[in-house]
Amino acid sequence: MLPGLAAAAAAHRCSWSSLCRLRLRCRAAARGSSDRQEWQNLVTFGSFSNSVSCCTLNQVKLYSTNVQKEGQGSQTQKMEKVPSFDEAENMGAELKAPIIKQEPLQVRVKAVLKKREYGPKYTQNNFITGVRAMNEFCLKSSDLEQLRKIRRRSPHEDTESFTVYLRSDVEAKSLEVWGSPEALAREKKLRKEAEIEYRERLFRNQKILREYRDFLGNTKPRSRTASIFLKGPGKVVMVAICINGLNCFFKFLAWIYTGSASMFSEAIHSLSDTCNQALLALGISKSVQTPDPTHPYGFSNMRYIASLISGVGIFMMGAGLSWYHGIMGLLNPQPIESLLWAYCILAGSLVSEGATLLVAVNELRRSARAKGTSFYKYVMESRDPSTNVILLEDTAAVLGVTIAATCMGLTSITGNPVYDSLGSLGVGTLLGVVSAFLIYTNTEALLGRSIQPEQVQRLTELLENDPSVRAIHDVKATDLGLGKVRFKAEVDFDGRVVTRSYLEKQDFDQMLQEIQEVKTPEDLETFMLKHGENIIDTLGAEVDRLEKELKKRNPEVRHVDLEIL
């Protein structure tokens, strides 16, 4: 019986040893690169479970020999613990379960475009016009014909595009022509000296030509400066100069004849009015001059400057002398001679000053109707400074004649010269009030006065209703004088609309082909730089379009500054 038990134990030992060796092979296959599906097809744990089910041993120790290649080869003995029957069943369940394939670890590397350092001065991509190239780099038009020509959007309203050159190309060409920067600097110096000499000769020639015209007579058509004095504010100013000049002459004669302080005040009043109106005429002629590089917005403010100086002149010359003569009359009263001629001259002055006042009122009413505002508001805001000065001066003249005639009448009736001195003080006070008003209104205009809120709202709504604009900020609309308005605003553009406007003009098939050719970061940079520059040009075209629409719908807007937010 013992030999039978020994044989059975040997059979169980052999089957269990086979199972353990197979398990070791499974581990090696899992660690290796062999196909796991092939291993599942090869090994089915169910066939082994039957062979070990009758095993009564709890634990079996297995000694095996593994051969490893180290150098020329060596053998190492390894002892491994063999699991029990319960652990073997669990191991069988694990082998039956599907083996999950592990994905290889992937590390994503972000492609970053290297930042370029341009330095404080970078002009390689700058464009300059042909005129600048010839003036600043002493080149000829034939030299520019060999350079690359680039068509760009023109900043001027009368042309859509113009030709420019790369600054780097122009600089290289100038060095090629002149040989060195020192030679170019010497040539610039010589040309600068020649330009100064040319201007001096031109000034002398113009002076000689002017003398020649004065001697033989000028047969040219009437200039723009002369024509402005035949209508509008210029006409009013010329009429006032003629009338006030005559009044001043006759009032001085009456004062010399009578010695009246009131008549002296009126004579000084007419003299100051004549001088101030001559100053207004100078301001009007200066205001219509063409803008130059020194004054890019023109000389329209000269009317306000002339009116301001006129107000100061009225205060110092008219009011000051009238107060002085009135105070001296109160301190040292003098008897007054016959006032008959004084009354006649005052009556003539009243008629002439009234006629000038009527001309000024009619001109201001016409201008107020054209601006769509009331007469009172137009005068108070000093929209037309020259005519406004004439209106106030003639109003003060009419009231001053009335005051002088009344005080002279009281003196004639009572024989007391104090009334005449009080009349001089009254005329001086009236002139002081007029001068203060003129100084205040013209100072406000010179400080940069805004236009009417209704006009600002109309301009803002025009921009906000455009599809390419999302918002308007920091709106400023300044009256430059002579019906000219400068408009400035911060505009928040809709980038999607601007980009869509650019894409509507492009060939989509060609763009898709360009996108498919993008393989490297360098290709992507080239693609983005090309279309990014074109989108910026499209944004500039949108700004130009909005500026033209503002000027077209609002003719008083002459200068528009739209800043991209």
Protein backbone atom coordinates (compact mmCIF):
# COMPACT_ATOMS: atom_id res chain seq x y z
CA MET A 1 0.00 0.00 0.00
CA LEU A 2 2.85 2.36 0.65
CA PRO A 3 4.19 2.05 -2.88
CA GLY A 4 0.72 3.04 -4.18
CA LEU A 5 0.61 6.13 -2.00
CA ALA A 6 4.13 7.09 -3.08
CA ALA A 7 3.16 6.79 -6.73
CA ALA A 8 0.07 8.97 -6.24
CA ALA A 9 2.08 11.60 -4.42
CA ALA A 10 4.64 11.63 -7.17
CA ALA A 11 1.90 12.12 -9.78
CA HIS A 12 0.42 15.07 -7.86
CA ARG A 13 3.89 16.55 -7.37
CA CYS A 14 4.59 16.36 -11.11
CA SER A 15 1.29 18.03 -12.05
CA TRP A 16 1.77 20.83 -9.50
CA SER A 17 5.34 21.39 -10.64
CA SER A 18 4.11 21.72 -14.21
CA LEU A 19 1.54 24.27 -13.10
CA CYS A 20 4.14 26.37 -11.28
CA ARG A 21 6.52 26.33 -14.21
CA LEU A 22 3.68 27.45 -16.46
CA ARG A 23 2.94 30.32 -14.05
CA LEU A 24 6.53 31.49 -14.24
CA ARG A 25 6.30 31.50 -18.02
CA CYS A 26 3.12 33.60 -17.80
CA ARG A 27 4.96 36.25 -15.75
CA ALA A 28 7.86 36.32 -18.18
CA ALA A 29 5.46 36.67 -21.09
CA ALA A 30 3.59 39.52 -19.38
CA ARG A 31 6.87 41.35 -18.77
CA GLY A 32 8.14 40.77 -22.28
CA SER A 33 6.94 42.04 -25.62
CA SER A 34 5.15 38.84 -26.80
CA ASP A 35 1.57 39.00 -27.85
CA ARG A 36 -0.79 38.56 -24.88
CA GLN A 37 -3.64 37.32 -27.01
CA GLU A 38 -1.44 34.45 -28.18
CA TRP A 39 -0.74 33.65 -24.54
CA GLN A 40 -4.47 33.49 -23.75
CA ASN A 41 -5.02 31.17 -26.67
CA LEU A 42 -2.14 29.01 -25.53
CA VAL A 43 -3.02 28.80 -21.83
CA THR A 44 -6.44 27.90 -20.47
CA PHE A 45 -6.48 27.64 -16.77
CA GLY A 46 -9.44 25.28 -16.75
CA SER A 47 -7.33 22.34 -17.89
CA PHE A 48 -5.02 22.80 -14.95
CA SER A 49 -7.72 23.27 -12.35
CA ASN A 50 -8.85 19.67 -12.76
CA SER A 51 -5.32 18.37 -12.36
CA VAL A 52 -4.82 20.13 -9.04
CA SER A 53 -8.30 19.66 -7.54
CA CYS A 54 -7.39 16.43 -5.87
CA CYS A 55 -4.20 17.73 -4.43
CA THR A 56 -4.14 17.48 -0.61
CA LEU A 57 -0.93 19.37 -0.09
CA ASN A 58 -1.22 22.86 1.31
CA GLN A 59 2.08 24.21 0.08
CA VAL A 60 4.86 22.96 -2.17
CA LYS A 61 8.32 24.45 -2.48
CA LEU A 62 9.91 24.42 -5.89
CA TYR A 63 13.60 24.72 -6.65
CA SER A 64 14.41 25.68 -10.23
CA THR A 65 17.45 26.75 -12.16
CA ASN A 66 17.36 29.89 -14.39
CA VAL A 67 20.03 30.48 -16.93
CA GLN A 68 21.00 34.17 -17.49
CA LYS A 69 23.51 35.58 -19.91
CA GLU A 70 26.05 37.62 -18.01
CA GLY A 71 29.35 38.00 -19.77
CA GLN A 72 30.06 34.44 -21.00
CA GLY A 73 27.02 33.08 -19.08
CA SER A 74 26.42 31.95 -15.51
CA GLN A 75 23.84 29.92 -13.63
CA THR A 76 22.04 31.21 -10.55
CA GLN A 77 19.77 29.21 -8.33
CA LYS A 78 16.47 30.83 -7.34
CA MET A 79 13.90 29.63 -4.84
CA GLU A 80 10.35 30.82 -5.27
CA LYS A 81 7.39 30.28 -3.01
CA VAL A 82 4.66 28.20 -4.62
CA PRO A 83 1.10 29.33 -3.81
CA SER A 84 -1.54 27.19 -2.12
CA PHE A 85 -4.58 25.69 -3.80
CA ASP A 86 -6.89 28.63 -2.89
CA GLU A 87 -4.33 31.11 -4.20
CA ALA A 88 -4.00 29.02 -7.34
CA GLU A 89 -7.76 29.27 -7.94
CA ASN A 90 -7.62 33.02 -7.54
CA MET A 91 -4.71 33.13 -9.91
CA GLY A 92 -6.75 31.18 -12.41
CA ALA A 93 -9.55 33.75 -12.23
CA GLU A 94 -7.02 36.51 -12.88
CA LEU A 95 -5.72 34.65 -15.92
CA LYS A 96 -9.26 34.24 -17.26
CA ALA A 97 -9.91 38.02 -16.91
CA PRO A 98 -9.02 40.09 -20.03
CA ILE A 99 -5.63 41.70 -19.87
CA ILE A 100 -5.80 45.52 -20.31
CA LYS A 101 -3.30 46.91 -22.77
CA GLN A 102 -1.30 49.79 -21.30
CA GLU A 103 -0.90 52.83 -23.54
CA PRO A 104 2.61 54.27 -23.86
CA LEU A 105 3.26 57.47 -21.88
CA GLN A 106 2.98 60.53 -24.14
CA VAL A 107 4.55 63.89 -23.24
CA ARG A 108 3.20 66.89 -25.19
CA VAL A 109 5.80 69.56 -25.87
CA LYS A 110 4.43 73.09 -26.49
CA ALA A 111 5.89 74.79 -29.57
CA VAL A 112 6.81 78.36 -28.70
CA LEU A 113 7.96 80.93 -31.25
CA LYS A 114 11.22 82.51 -30.20
CA LYS A 115 10.76 86.13 -29.19
CA ARG A 116 12.66 88.61 -31.31
CA GLU A 117 14.58 91.45 -29.73
CA TYR A 118 14.18 94.51 -31.96
CA GLY A 119 16.13 96.95 -29.81
CA PRO A 120 15.31 100.63 -29.15
CA LYS A 121 15.69 101.58 -32.83
CA TYR A 122 14.36 99.32 -35.58
CA THR A 123 13.72 100.74 -39.04
CA GLN A 124 14.17 97.72 -41.28
CA ASN A 125 10.47 97.51 -42.17
CA ASN A 126 9.80 101.27 -42.33
CA PHE A 127 8.33 102.79 -45.48
CA ILE A 128 9.28 106.22 -46.84
CA THR A 129 8.00 108.16 -49.81
CA GLY A 130 10.00 109.02 -52.88
CA VAL A 131 10.19 112.70 -51.92
CA ARG A 132 11.72 111.87 -48.53
CA ALA A 133 14.11 109.41 -50.12
CA MET A 134 15.43 112.07 -52.51
CA ASN A 135 15.57 114.84 -49.89
CA GLU A 136 17.00 112.93 -46.91
CA PHE A 137 19.30 110.52 -48.75
CA CYS A 138 20.32 112.74 -51.68
CA LEU A 139 19.10 110.34 -54.37
CA LYS A 140 17.73 110.90 -57.84
CA SER A 141 14.50 109.60 -59.29
CA SER A 142 16.53 107.29 -61.54
CA ASP A 143 18.10 105.70 -58.45
CA LEU A 144 14.67 104.90 -57.03
CA GLU A 145 13.56 103.11 -60.19
CA GLN A 146 15.87 100.22 -59.33
CA LEU A 147 14.35 99.69 -55.88
CA ARG A 148 11.34 97.64 -54.84
CA LYS A 149 8.10 99.59 -55.14
CA ILE A 150 5.25 98.98 -52.71
CA ARG A 151 1.71 100.27 -53.12
CA ARG A 152 0.16 101.39 -49.85
CA ARG A 153 -3.10 102.96 -48.79
CA SER A 154 -2.84 106.75 -49.02
CA PRO A 155 -3.47 108.94 -45.95
CA HIS A 156 -4.82 111.73 -48.17
CA GLU A 157 -8.43 112.00 -49.25
CA ASP A 158 -7.72 112.87 -52.89
CA THR A 159 -5.77 109.67 -53.64
CA GLU A 160 -6.52 106.04 -52.80
CA SER A 161 -2.96 104.65 -52.88
CA PHE A 162 0.60 105.77 -53.45
CA THR A 163 4.07 104.25 -53.91
CA VAL A 164 6.54 103.86 -51.05
CA TYR A 165 9.97 102.28 -50.63
CA LEU A 166 11.60 100.25 -47.89
CA ARG A 167 13.87 102.43 -45.80
CA SER A 168 16.51 99.72 -45.66
CA ASP A 169 16.63 99.59 -49.47
CA VAL A 170 16.93 103.39 -49.69
CA GLU A 171 19.73 103.47 -47.10
CA ALA A 172 21.64 100.74 -48.94
CA LYS A 173 21.18 102.57 -52.24
CA SER A 174 22.42 105.86 -50.76
CA LEU A 175 25.55 104.14 -49.44
CA GLU A 176 26.06 102.58 -52.86
CA VAL A 177 25.75 105.98 -54.56
CA TRP A 178 27.82 108.06 -52.09
CA GLY A 179 30.22 105.41 -50.87
CA SER A 180 30.13 106.13 -47.11
CA PRO A 181 27.96 107.79 -44.42
CA GLU A 182 30.51 110.61 -44.14
CA ALA A 183 30.21 111.46 -47.83
CA LEU A 184 26.40 111.42 -47.52
CA ALA A 185 26.56 113.78 -44.51
CA ARG A 186 28.78 116.20 -46.44
CA GLU A 187 26.37 116.20 -49.37
CA LYS A 188 23.42 116.88 -47.01
CA LYS A 189 25.27 119.85 -45.53
CA LEU A 190 26.01 121.28 -48.97
CA ARG A 191 22.40 120.91 -50.06
CA LYS A 192 21.17 122.54 -46.85
CA GLU A 193 23.38 125.57 -47.49
CA ALA A 194 22.15 125.73 -51.10
CA GLU A 195 18.55 125.60 -49.90
CA ILE A 196 19.11 128.51 -47.49
CA GLU A 197 20.72 130.54 -50.25
CA TYR A 198 17.83 129.72 -52.60
CA ARG A 199 15.27 130.93 -50.04
CA GLU A 200 17.16 134.17 -49.57
CA ARG A 201 17.24 134.76 -53.33
CA LEU A 202 13.56 133.90 -53.56
CA PHE A 203 12.73 136.43 -50.84
CA ARG A 204 14.70 139.13 -52.65
CA ASN A 205 13.04 138.28 -55.96
CA GLN A 206 9.60 138.40 -54.38
CA LYS A 207 10.37 141.79 -52.92
CA ILE A 208 11.56 143.09 -56.30
CA LEU A 209 8.46 141.65 -57.99
CA ARG A 210 6.23 143.32 -55.42
CA GLU A 211 7.89 146.68 -56.06
CA TYR A 212 7.51 146.14 -59.79
CA ARG A 213 3.80 145.45 -59.42
CA ASP A 214 3.33 148.50 -57.22
CA PHE A 215 5.03 150.63 -59.86
CA LEU A 216 3.22 149.27 -62.92
CA GLY A 217 -0.02 148.24 -61.27
CA ASN A 218 -1.30 144.81 -60.38
CA THR A 219 -3.50 143.33 -63.10
CA LYS A 220 -4.13 139.97 -61.42
CA PRO A 221 -7.72 138.99 -60.47
CA ARG A 222 -9.00 139.88 -57.04
CA SER A 223 -7.40 137.70 -54.40
CA ARG A 224 -9.25 135.61 -51.84
CA THR A 225 -8.18 137.93 -49.01
CA ALA A 226 -9.74 140.95 -50.72
CA SER A 227 -12.96 139.13 -51.63
CA ILE A 228 -13.77 138.22 -48.01
CA PHE A 229 -14.34 141.91 -47.22
CA LEU A 230 -17.20 142.09 -49.73
CA LYS A 231 -19.54 139.74 -47.86
CA GLY A 232 -20.30 138.35 -44.43
CA PRO A 233 -18.34 139.49 -41.38
CA GLY A 234 -15.70 141.16 -43.55
CA LYS A 235 -18.30 143.45 -45.07
CA VAL A 236 -19.67 144.38 -41.64
CA VAL A 237 -16.17 145.19 -40.36
CA MET A 238 -15.33 147.42 -43.36
CA VAL A 239 -18.59 149.35 -43.04
CA ALA A 240 -17.91 149.87 -39.32
CA ILE A 241 -14.37 151.09 -39.97
CA CYS A 242 -15.55 153.73 -42.44
CA ILE A 243 -18.41 155.02 -40.28
CA ASN A 244 -16.48 155.02 -37.00
CA GLY A 245 -13.54 156.76 -38.64
CA LEU A 246 -15.77 159.64 -39.77
CA ASN A 247 -17.48 159.80 -36.38
CA CYS A 248 -14.14 159.91 -34.60
CA PHE A 249 -12.98 162.83 -36.77
CA PHE A 250 -16.10 164.95 -36.20
CA LYS A 251 -16.30 164.15 -32.46
CA PHE A 252 -12.76 165.34 -31.92
CA LEU A 253 -13.63 168.58 -33.73
CA ALA A 254 -16.68 169.02 -31.45
CA TRP A 255 -14.61 168.34 -28.32
CA ILE A 256 -11.98 170.87 -29.37
CA TYR A 257 -14.73 173.43 -30.00
CA THR A 258 -16.79 172.82 -26.83
CA GLY A 259 -14.34 171.26 -24.33
CA SER A 260 -17.05 168.85 -23.15
CA ALA A 261 -15.86 165.84 -21.16
CA SER A 262 -18.73 163.72 -22.53
CA MET A 263 -17.78 164.70 -26.08
CA PHE A 264 -14.17 163.75 -25.35
CA SER A 265 -15.32 160.35 -24.11
CA GLU A 266 -17.35 159.85 -27.27
CA ALA A 267 -14.38 160.87 -29.44
CA ILE A 268 -12.14 158.39 -27.58
CA HIS A 269 -14.88 155.78 -27.90
CA SER A 270 -15.03 156.21 -31.69
CA LEU A 271 -11.22 156.15 -31.93
CA SER A 272 -10.98 152.91 -29.97
CA ASP A 273 -13.74 151.38 -32.09
CA THR A 274 -11.93 152.32 -35.29
CA CYS A 275 -8.63 150.84 -34.08
CA ASN A 276 -10.28 147.67 -32.82
CA GLN A 277 -12.17 147.16 -36.07
CA ALA A 278 -8.95 147.58 -38.03
CA LEU A 279 -7.52 144.86 -35.81
CA LEU A 280 -10.57 142.67 -36.58
CA ALA A 281 -9.99 143.18 -40.30
CA LEU A 282 -6.41 141.98 -39.84
CA GLY A 283 -7.67 138.91 -37.96
CA ILE A 284 -10.19 138.10 -40.70
CA SER A 285 -7.56 138.33 -43.45
CA LYS A 286 -5.19 136.14 -41.42
CA SER A 287 -7.84 133.53 -40.61
CA VAL A 288 -8.38 132.53 -44.25
CA GLN A 289 -4.74 131.74 -44.94
CA THR A 290 -3.89 128.25 -46.09
CA PRO A 291 -2.55 125.93 -43.35
CA ASP A 292 1.20 125.37 -43.39
CA PRO A 293 3.51 122.86 -41.65
CA THR A 294 3.88 125.21 -38.69
CA HIS A 295 0.09 125.61 -38.28
CA PRO A 296 -1.46 122.38 -39.64
CA TYR A 297 -4.99 123.28 -38.47
CA GLY A 298 -4.92 126.72 -40.10
CA PHE A 299 -5.35 130.22 -38.68
CA SER A 300 -9.09 130.30 -38.00
CA ASN A 301 -8.51 131.21 -34.33
CA MET A 302 -7.02 134.52 -35.40
CA ARG A 303 -10.54 135.98 -35.35
CA TYR A 304 -10.89 135.11 -31.67
CA ILE A 305 -7.41 136.45 -30.92
CA ALA A 306 -8.20 139.74 -32.70
CA SER A 307 -11.50 140.03 -30.83
CA LEU A 308 -9.77 139.35 -27.52
CA ILE A 309 -7.19 142.05 -28.17
CA SER A 310 -10.02 144.33 -29.25
CA GLY A 311 -11.77 143.78 -25.93
CA VAL A 312 -8.58 144.58 -24.04
CA GLY A 313 -8.11 147.69 -26.19
CA ILE A 314 -11.64 148.91 -25.48
CA PHE A 315 -11.06 148.49 -21.76
CA MET A 316 -7.69 150.24 -21.66
CA MET A 317 -8.20 152.93 -24.28
CA GLY A 318 -11.94 153.60 -24.17
CA ALA A 319 -12.97 152.92 -20.59
CA GLY A 320 -9.66 154.05 -19.05
CA LEU A 321 -9.50 157.45 -20.79
CA SER A 322 -13.23 158.09 -20.24
CA TRP A 323 -12.90 157.41 -16.51
CA TYR A 324 -9.79 159.55 -16.30
CA HIS A 325 -11.41 162.52 -18.09
CA GLY A 326 -14.61 162.18 -16.05
CA ILE A 327 -12.72 162.13 -12.73
CA MET A 328 -10.64 165.13 -13.78
CA GLY A 329 -13.88 166.98 -14.72
CA LEU A 330 -15.29 166.28 -11.25
CA LEU A 331 -12.12 167.48 -9.53
CA ASN A 332 -11.64 170.53 -11.77
CA PRO A 333 -14.98 171.57 -13.33
CA GLN A 334 -14.65 173.80 -16.39
CA PRO A 335 -17.38 175.86 -18.04
CA ILE A 336 -18.67 174.46 -21.34
CA GLU A 337 -19.05 176.53 -24.51
CA SER A 338 -21.98 176.35 -26.93
CA LEU A 339 -23.20 172.76 -27.33
CA LEU A 340 -25.15 173.25 -30.59
CA TRP A 341 -22.49 171.71 -32.80
CA ALA A 342 -21.97 168.95 -30.29
CA TYR A 343 -25.68 168.06 -30.47
CA CYS A 344 -25.55 168.00 -34.28
CA ILE A 345 -22.52 165.71 -34.31
CA LEU A 346 -24.06 163.41 -31.72
CA ALA A 347 -27.23 163.17 -33.80
CA GLY A 348 -25.19 162.25 -36.88
CA SER A 349 -23.26 159.69 -34.85
CA LEU A 350 -26.50 158.18 -33.58
CA VAL A 351 -27.77 157.69 -37.13
CA SER A 352 -24.48 156.26 -38.46
CA GLU A 353 -23.90 153.98 -35.48
CA GLY A 354 -27.50 152.78 -35.71
CA ALA A 355 -26.99 151.91 -39.39
CA THR A 356 -23.85 149.91 -38.58
CA LEU A 357 -25.70 148.18 -35.73
CA LEU A 358 -28.49 147.21 -38.13
CA VAL A 359 -25.98 145.68 -40.59
CA ALA A 360 -24.38 143.65 -37.78
CA VAL A 361 -27.77 142.43 -36.47
CA ASN A 362 -28.86 141.27 -39.92
CA GLU A 363 -25.60 139.38 -40.46
CA LEU A 364 -25.83 137.67 -37.08
CA ARG A 365 -29.46 136.66 -37.67
CA ARG A 366 -28.55 135.14 -41.01
CA SER A 367 -25.66 133.19 -39.48
CA ALA A 368 -27.83 132.02 -36.56
CA ARG A 369 -30.48 130.67 -38.95
CA ALA A 370 -27.80 128.84 -40.92
CA LYS A 371 -26.57 127.17 -37.70
CA GLY A 372 -30.08 126.34 -36.54
CA THR A 373 -29.85 128.29 -33.29
CA SER A 374 -31.40 131.39 -31.78
CA PHE A 375 -30.00 134.89 -32.18
CA TYR A 376 -29.40 135.33 -28.44
CA LYS A 377 -27.61 131.99 -28.08
CA TYR A 378 -25.48 132.68 -31.14
CA VAL A 379 -24.33 136.00 -29.71
CA MET A 380 -23.71 134.69 -26.20
CA GLU A 381 -21.56 131.82 -27.48
CA SER A 382 -19.60 134.18 -29.78
CA ARG A 383 -19.79 131.86 -32.78
CA ASP A 384 -18.86 134.74 -35.10
CA PRO A 385 -16.39 136.81 -33.04
CA SER A 386 -15.80 139.60 -35.57
CA THR A 387 -19.47 140.42 -36.12
CA ASN A 388 -20.09 139.96 -32.41
CA VAL A 389 -17.56 142.68 -31.61
CA ILE A 390 -19.20 145.05 -34.11
CA LEU A 391 -22.61 144.35 -32.60
CA LEU A 392 -21.48 145.07 -29.05
CA GLU A 393 -19.40 148.10 -29.98
CA ASP A 394 -22.23 149.68 -31.97
CA THR A 395 -24.72 148.90 -29.23
CA ALA A 396 -22.40 150.57 -26.75
CA ALA A 397 -21.95 153.46 -29.19
CA VAL A 398 -25.69 154.07 -29.48
CA LEU A 399 -26.15 153.90 -25.73
CA GLY A 400 -23.05 156.08 -25.21
CA VAL A 401 -24.39 158.77 -27.57
CA THR A 402 -27.66 158.70 -25.65
CA ILE A 403 -25.86 159.02 -22.31
CA ALA A 404 -23.60 161.82 -23.59
CA ALA A 405 -26.50 163.78 -25.12
CA THR A 406 -28.54 163.45 -21.91
CA CYS A 407 -25.73 164.62 -19.64
CA MET A 408 -24.79 167.46 -21.97
CA GLY A 409 -28.46 168.54 -22.03
CA LEU A 410 -28.57 168.56 -18.22
CA THR A 411 -25.40 170.64 -18.12
CA SER A 412 -26.82 173.05 -20.70
CA ILE A 413 -30.05 173.44 -18.73
CA THR A 414 -28.57 173.71 -15.23
CA GLY A 415 -25.20 175.17 -16.12
CA ASN A 416 -23.51 172.61 -13.84
CA PRO A 417 -20.55 170.86 -15.56
CA VAL A 418 -20.72 167.97 -13.06
CA TYR A 419 -23.43 166.26 -15.15
CA ASP A 420 -21.11 166.29 -18.15
CA SER A 421 -18.35 164.62 -16.10
CA LEU A 422 -20.84 162.02 -14.85
CA GLY A 423 -21.74 161.32 -18.47
CA SER A 424 -18.07 160.60 -19.21
CA LEU A 425 -17.94 158.18 -16.30
CA GLY A 426 -21.12 156.50 -17.56
CA VAL A 427 -19.69 156.02 -21.05
CA GLY A 428 -16.49 154.61 -19.53
CA THR A 429 -18.47 152.15 -17.41
CA LEU A 430 -20.46 151.02 -20.47
CA LEU A 431 -17.23 150.41 -22.40
CA GLY A 432 -15.79 148.45 -19.46
CA VAL A 433 -18.81 146.11 -19.42
CA VAL A 434 -18.55 145.50 -23.18
CA SER A 435 -14.82 144.84 -22.98
CA ALA A 436 -15.27 142.38 -20.09
CA PHE A 437 -17.87 140.45 -22.07
CA LEU A 438 -15.63 140.31 -25.16
CA ILE A 439 -12.64 139.14 -23.12
CA TYR A 440 -14.68 136.40 -21.45
CA THR A 441 -16.37 134.99 -24.56
CA ASN A 442 -13.25 134.99 -26.72
CA THR A 443 -11.15 133.44 -23.97
CA GLU A 444 -13.69 130.61 -23.71
CA ALA A 445 -13.49 130.08 -27.46
CA LEU A 446 -9.68 130.00 -27.48
CA LEU A 447 -9.58 127.47 -24.64
CA GLY A 448 -11.29 124.89 -26.87
CA ARG A 449 -15.07 125.05 -26.61
CA SER A 450 -17.19 122.01 -27.35
CA ILE A 451 -19.92 122.04 -29.97
CA GLN A 452 -23.60 121.60 -29.15
CA PRO A 453 -24.53 118.36 -27.29
CA GLU A 454 -27.07 117.56 -30.01
CA GLN A 455 -24.35 117.65 -32.65
CA VAL A 456 -22.08 115.44 -30.54
CA GLN A 457 -24.91 112.94 -30.06
CA ARG A 458 -25.57 112.85 -33.80
CA LEU A 459 -21.91 112.14 -34.57
CA THR A 460 -21.72 109.45 -31.88
CA GLU A 461 -24.85 107.67 -33.11
CA LEU A 462 -23.46 107.58 -36.63
CA LEU A 463 -20.41 105.68 -35.40
CA GLU A 464 -22.30 103.38 -33.04
CA ASN A 465 -24.72 102.32 -35.79
CA ASP A 466 -21.85 101.01 -37.92
CA PRO A 467 -21.49 97.17 -37.76
CA SER A 468 -17.69 97.30 -37.33
CA VAL A 469 -17.93 99.44 -34.14
CA ARG A 470 -18.77 97.94 -30.76
CA ALA A 471 -18.42 101.00 -28.52
CA ILE A 472 -17.37 104.67 -28.51
CA HIS A 473 -15.43 106.22 -25.63
CA ASP A 474 -13.87 109.59 -24.74
CA VAL A 475 -15.68 111.63 -27.39
CA LYS A 476 -14.42 115.19 -27.88
CA ALA A 477 -15.77 117.65 -30.48
CA THR A 478 -14.05 121.05 -30.44
CA ASP A 479 -15.06 124.18 -32.32
CA LEU A 480 -12.03 125.52 -34.24
CA GLY A 481 -13.84 128.63 -35.45
CA LEU A 482 -15.22 129.60 -38.86
CA GLY A 483 -17.61 126.67 -38.76
CA LYS A 484 -14.81 124.08 -38.43
CA VAL A 485 -15.06 121.22 -35.95
CA ARG A 486 -12.41 118.77 -34.80
CA PHE A 487 -13.82 115.38 -33.72
CA LYS A 488 -11.89 112.85 -31.64
CA ALA A 489 -13.05 109.50 -30.20
CA GLU A 490 -11.73 106.19 -28.87
CA VAL A 491 -13.31 103.45 -31.01
CA ASP A 492 -13.63 99.81 -29.95
CA PHE A 493 -13.76 97.88 -33.24
CA ASP A 494 -15.34 94.43 -33.63
CA GLY A 495 -12.44 92.24 -34.72
CA ARG A 496 -14.75 89.56 -36.12
CA VAL A 497 -16.48 91.98 -38.46
CA VAL A 498 -13.18 93.47 -39.61
CA THR A 499 -11.73 89.99 -40.22
CA ARG A 500 -14.85 88.91 -42.08
CA SER A 501 -14.58 92.00 -44.24
CA TYR A 502 -11.05 90.90 -45.13
CA LEU A 503 -12.05 87.29 -45.77
CA GLU A 504 -14.84 88.37 -48.12
CA LYS A 505 -12.18 89.64 -50.52
CA GLN A 506 -9.98 86.51 -50.39
CA ASP A 507 -9.86 83.27 -52.41
CA PHE A 508 -10.85 80.54 -49.94
CA ASP A 509 -9.42 77.70 -52.06
CA GLN A 510 -6.04 79.37 -52.08
CA MET A 511 -6.20 80.02 -48.32
CA LEU A 512 -7.10 76.37 -47.64
CA GLN A 513 -4.16 75.27 -49.75
CA GLU A 514 -1.88 77.57 -47.76
CA ILE A 515 -3.23 76.13 -44.51
CA GLN A 516 -2.56 72.56 -45.68
CA GLU A 517 1.02 73.49 -46.48
CA VAL A 518 1.63 74.59 -42.87
CA LYS A 519 3.78 71.85 -41.32
CA THR A 520 6.25 73.64 -39.04
CA PRO A 521 6.13 76.63 -36.67
CA GLU A 522 8.05 78.64 -39.28
CA ASP A 523 5.34 77.95 -41.88
CA LEU A 524 2.67 78.99 -39.38
CA GLU A 525 4.57 82.22 -38.61
CA THR A 526 4.80 83.08 -42.32
CA PHE A 527 1.08 82.42 -42.82
CA MET A 528 0.02 84.50 -39.81
CA LEU A 529 2.33 87.41 -40.64
CA LYS A 530 1.01 87.62 -44.18
CA HIS A 531 -2.67 87.65 -43.30
CA GLY A 532 -2.17 89.60 -40.05
CA GLU A 533 -0.65 92.51 -41.96
CA ASN A 534 -3.53 92.44 -44.45
CA ILE A 535 -6.09 92.47 -41.62
CA ILE A 536 -4.37 95.52 -40.08
CA ASP A 537 -4.62 97.25 -43.48
CA THR A 538 -8.31 96.35 -43.57
CA LEU A 539 -8.76 97.95 -40.14
CA GLY A 540 -7.08 101.13 -41.41
CA ALA A 541 -9.43 101.14 -44.40
CA GLU A 542 -12.39 100.88 -42.01
CA VAL A 543 -11.10 103.92 -40.09
CA ASP A 544 -10.80 105.90 -43.35
CA ARG A 545 -14.32 104.91 -44.36
CA LEU A 546 -15.79 106.08 -41.04
CA GLU A 547 -13.91 109.40 -41.26
CA LYS A 548 -15.25 110.04 -44.76
CA GLU A 549 -18.82 109.26 -43.67
CA LEU A 550 -18.52 111.66 -40.71
CA LYS A 551 -17.29 114.48 -42.95
CA LYS A 552 -19.88 113.73 -45.63
CA ARG A 553 -22.88 113.80 -43.29
CA ASN A 554 -21.51 116.67 -41.19
CA PRO A 555 -19.75 119.24 -43.41
CA GLU A 556 -18.61 121.29 -40.41
CA VAL A 557 -16.36 118.39 -39.30
CA ARG A 558 -13.00 119.09 -40.94
CA HIS A 559 -10.58 117.06 -38.79
CA VAL A 560 -11.41 113.56 -37.50
CA ASP A 561 -9.16 111.59 -35.13
CA LEU A 562 -10.41 108.03 -34.52
CA GLU A 563 -8.12 106.15 -32.13
CA ILE A 564 -8.34 102.36 -32.03
CA LEU A 565 -9.06 101.11 -28.53
